[in-house]
């Protein structure tokens, strides 16, 4: 869901990218050989998250992890030819 929000893509496109783009599969923590789930799973999970008592917890957790400097991205690296 984090990649989905970052890209701003519809759920159908997200599942297609998970199926065909190894970068997305790896970033999502899905095994390279695992079948991709149906886009309706994303809809269901989003709905459950929005109806929970803490709907921002996934994004807060990711933000906290990135801020803790435990990410695997080196301080100066290039992704899509853009220096970070």
C-alpha atoms as a PDB file:
ATOM      1  CA  UNK A   1       0.000   0.000   0.000  1.00  0.00           C
ATOM      2  CA  UNK A   2       2.908   2.348   0.622  1.00  0.00           C
ATOM      3  CA  UNK A   3       4.162   1.900  -2.946  1.00  0.00           C
ATOM      4  CA  UNK A   4       0.588   2.303  -4.163  1.00  0.00           C
ATOM      5  CA  UNK A   5       0.283   5.679  -2.435  1.00  0.00           C
ATOM      6  CA  UNK A   6       3.767   6.740  -3.525  1.00  0.00           C
ATOM      7  CA  UNK A   7       3.041   5.985  -7.179  1.00  0.00           C
ATOM      8  CA  UNK A   8      -0.580   7.111  -7.132  1.00  0.00           C
ATOM      9  CA  UNK A   9      -1.543   4.122  -9.270  1.00  0.00           C
ATOM     10  CA  UNK A  10      -4.897   2.330  -9.280  1.00  0.00           C
ATOM     11  CA  UNK A  11      -4.990  -1.067  -7.564  1.00  0.00           C
ATOM     12  CA  UNK A  12      -5.166  -2.983 -10.858  1.00  0.00           C
ATOM     13  CA  UNK A  13      -1.958  -1.292 -12.033  1.00  0.00           C
ATOM     14  CA  UNK A  14      -0.245  -1.986  -8.705  1.00  0.00           C
ATOM     15  CA  UNK A  15      -0.918  -5.726  -8.937  1.00  0.00           C
ATOM     16  CA  UNK A  16       0.256  -5.711 -12.564  1.00  0.00           C
ATOM     17  CA  UNK A  17       3.506  -4.037 -11.496  1.00  0.00           C
ATOM     18  CA  UNK A  18       3.933  -6.553  -8.685  1.00  0.00           C
ATOM     19  CA  UNK A  19       3.559  -9.304 -11.257  1.00  0.00           C
ATOM     20  CA  UNK A  20       5.932  -7.888 -13.871  1.00  0.00           C
ATOM     21  CA  UNK A  21       8.390  -5.635 -12.025  1.00  0.00           C
ATOM     22  CA  UNK A  22      10.886  -7.396  -9.762  1.00  0.00           C
ATOM     23  CA  UNK A  23      11.724  -4.116  -8.014  1.00  0.00           C
ATOM     24  CA  UNK A  24       8.150  -3.859  -6.771  1.00  0.00           C
ATOM     25  CA  UNK A  25       8.082  -7.496  -5.675  1.00  0.00           C
ATOM     26  CA  UNK A  26      11.315  -7.119  -3.730  1.00  0.00           C
ATOM     27  CA  UNK A  27      10.259  -3.800  -2.184  1.00  0.00           C
ATOM     28  CA  UNK A  28       6.981  -5.417  -1.122  1.00  0.00           C
ATOM     29  CA  UNK A  29       8.740  -8.350   0.496  1.00  0.00           C
ATOM     30  CA  UNK A  30       7.051 -10.856  -1.791  1.00  0.00           C
ATOM     31  CA  UNK A  31       9.043 -13.869  -2.948  1.00  0.00           C
ATOM     32  CA  UNK A  32      10.081 -13.622  -6.580  1.00  0.00           C
ATOM     33  CA  UNK A  33       8.341 -16.926  -7.290  1.00  0.00           C
ATOM     34  CA  UNK A  34       5.160 -16.200  -5.332  1.00  0.00           C
ATOM     35  CA  UNK A  35       1.983 -15.629  -7.309  1.00  0.00           C
ATOM     36  CA  UNK A  36       0.590 -12.121  -7.187  1.00  0.00           C
ATOM     37  CA  UNK A  37      -2.695 -11.607  -5.379  1.00  0.00           C
ATOM     38  CA  UNK A  38      -5.803 -10.105  -6.955  1.00  0.00           C
ATOM     39  CA  UNK A  39      -6.178  -6.333  -6.745  1.00  0.00           C
ATOM     40  CA  UNK A  40      -9.326  -6.785  -4.652  1.00  0.00           C
ATOM     41  CA  UNK A  41      -7.054  -7.849  -1.761  1.00  0.00           C
ATOM     42  CA  UNK A  42      -5.563  -4.327  -1.720  1.00  0.00           C
ATOM     43  CA  UNK A  43      -9.086  -2.872  -1.685  1.00  0.00           C
ATOM     44  CA  UNK A  44     -10.051  -5.115   1.228  1.00  0.00           C
ATOM     45  CA  UNK A  45      -6.917  -4.329   3.238  1.00  0.00           C
ATOM     46  CA  UNK A  46      -7.298  -0.586   2.623  1.00  0.00           C
ATOM     47  CA  UNK A  47     -10.929  -0.729   3.731  1.00  0.00           C
ATOM     48  CA  UNK A  48     -10.024  -2.614   6.915  1.00  0.00           C
ATOM     49  CA  UNK A  49      -7.212  -0.178   7.644  1.00  0.00           C
ATOM     50  CA  UNK A  50      -9.405   2.887   7.125  1.00  0.00           C
ATOM     51  CA  UNK A  51     -12.064   1.475   9.453  1.00  0.00           C
ATOM     52  CA  UNK A  52      -9.547   0.660  12.186  1.00  0.00           C
ATOM     53  CA  UNK A  53      -8.747   2.787  15.213  1.00  0.00           C
ATOM     54  CA  UNK A  54      -5.344   3.781  13.797  1.00  0.00           C
ATOM     55  CA  UNK A  55      -5.542   4.089   9.994  1.00  0.00           C
ATOM     56  CA  UNK A  56      -2.180   5.885   9.634  1.00  0.00           C
ATOM     57  CA  UNK A  57      -0.166   3.229  11.472  1.00  0.00           C
ATOM     58  CA  UNK A  58       1.405   1.623   8.389  1.00  0.00           C
ATOM     59  CA  UNK A  59       2.664   4.916   7.050  1.00  0.00           C
ATOM     60  CA  UNK A  60       3.820   6.044  10.494  1.00  0.00           C
ATOM     61  CA  UNK A  61       5.713   2.779  10.917  1.00  0.00           C
ATOM     62  CA  UNK A  62       7.427   3.114   7.522  1.00  0.00           C
ATOM     63  CA  UNK A  63       8.307   6.742   8.218  1.00  0.00           C
ATOM     64  CA  UNK A  64       9.729   5.810  11.618  1.00  0.00           C
ATOM     65  CA  UNK A  65      11.830   3.043  10.060  1.00  0.00           C
ATOM     66  CA  UNK A  66      13.229   5.346   7.380  1.00  0.00           C
ATOM     67  CA  UNK A  67      14.000   8.074   9.913  1.00  0.00           C
ATOM     68  CA  UNK A  68      15.833   5.562  12.118  1.00  0.00           C
ATOM     69  CA  UNK A  69      18.500   5.347   9.394  1.00  0.00           C
ATOM     70  CA  UNK A  70      18.257   1.551   9.173  1.00  0.00           C
ATOM     71  CA  UNK A  71      17.363   1.620   5.510  1.00  0.00           C
ATOM     72  CA  UNK A  72      19.396  -0.310   2.990  1.00  0.00           C
ATOM     73  CA  UNK A  73      19.807   2.697   0.698  1.00  0.00           C
ATOM     74  CA  UNK A  74      23.319   4.179   0.872  1.00  0.00           C
ATOM     75  CA  UNK A  75      23.663   7.883   1.631  1.00  0.00           C
ATOM     76  CA  UNK A  76      24.471   8.678  -1.981  1.00  0.00           C
ATOM     77  CA  UNK A  77      23.001   6.345  -4.525  1.00  0.00           C
ATOM     78  CA  UNK A  78      21.194   6.669  -7.784  1.00  0.00           C
ATOM     79  CA  UNK A  79      17.707   5.395  -8.484  1.00  0.00           C
ATOM     80  CA  UNK A  80      16.340   6.060 -11.934  1.00  0.00           C
ATOM     81  CA  UNK A  81      19.396   8.291 -12.465  1.00  0.00           C
ATOM     82  CA  UNK A  82      18.293  10.644  -9.679  1.00  0.00           C
ATOM     83  CA  UNK A  83      20.792  11.203  -6.884  1.00  0.00           C
ATOM     84  CA  UNK A  84      19.388  10.711  -3.412  1.00  0.00           C
END
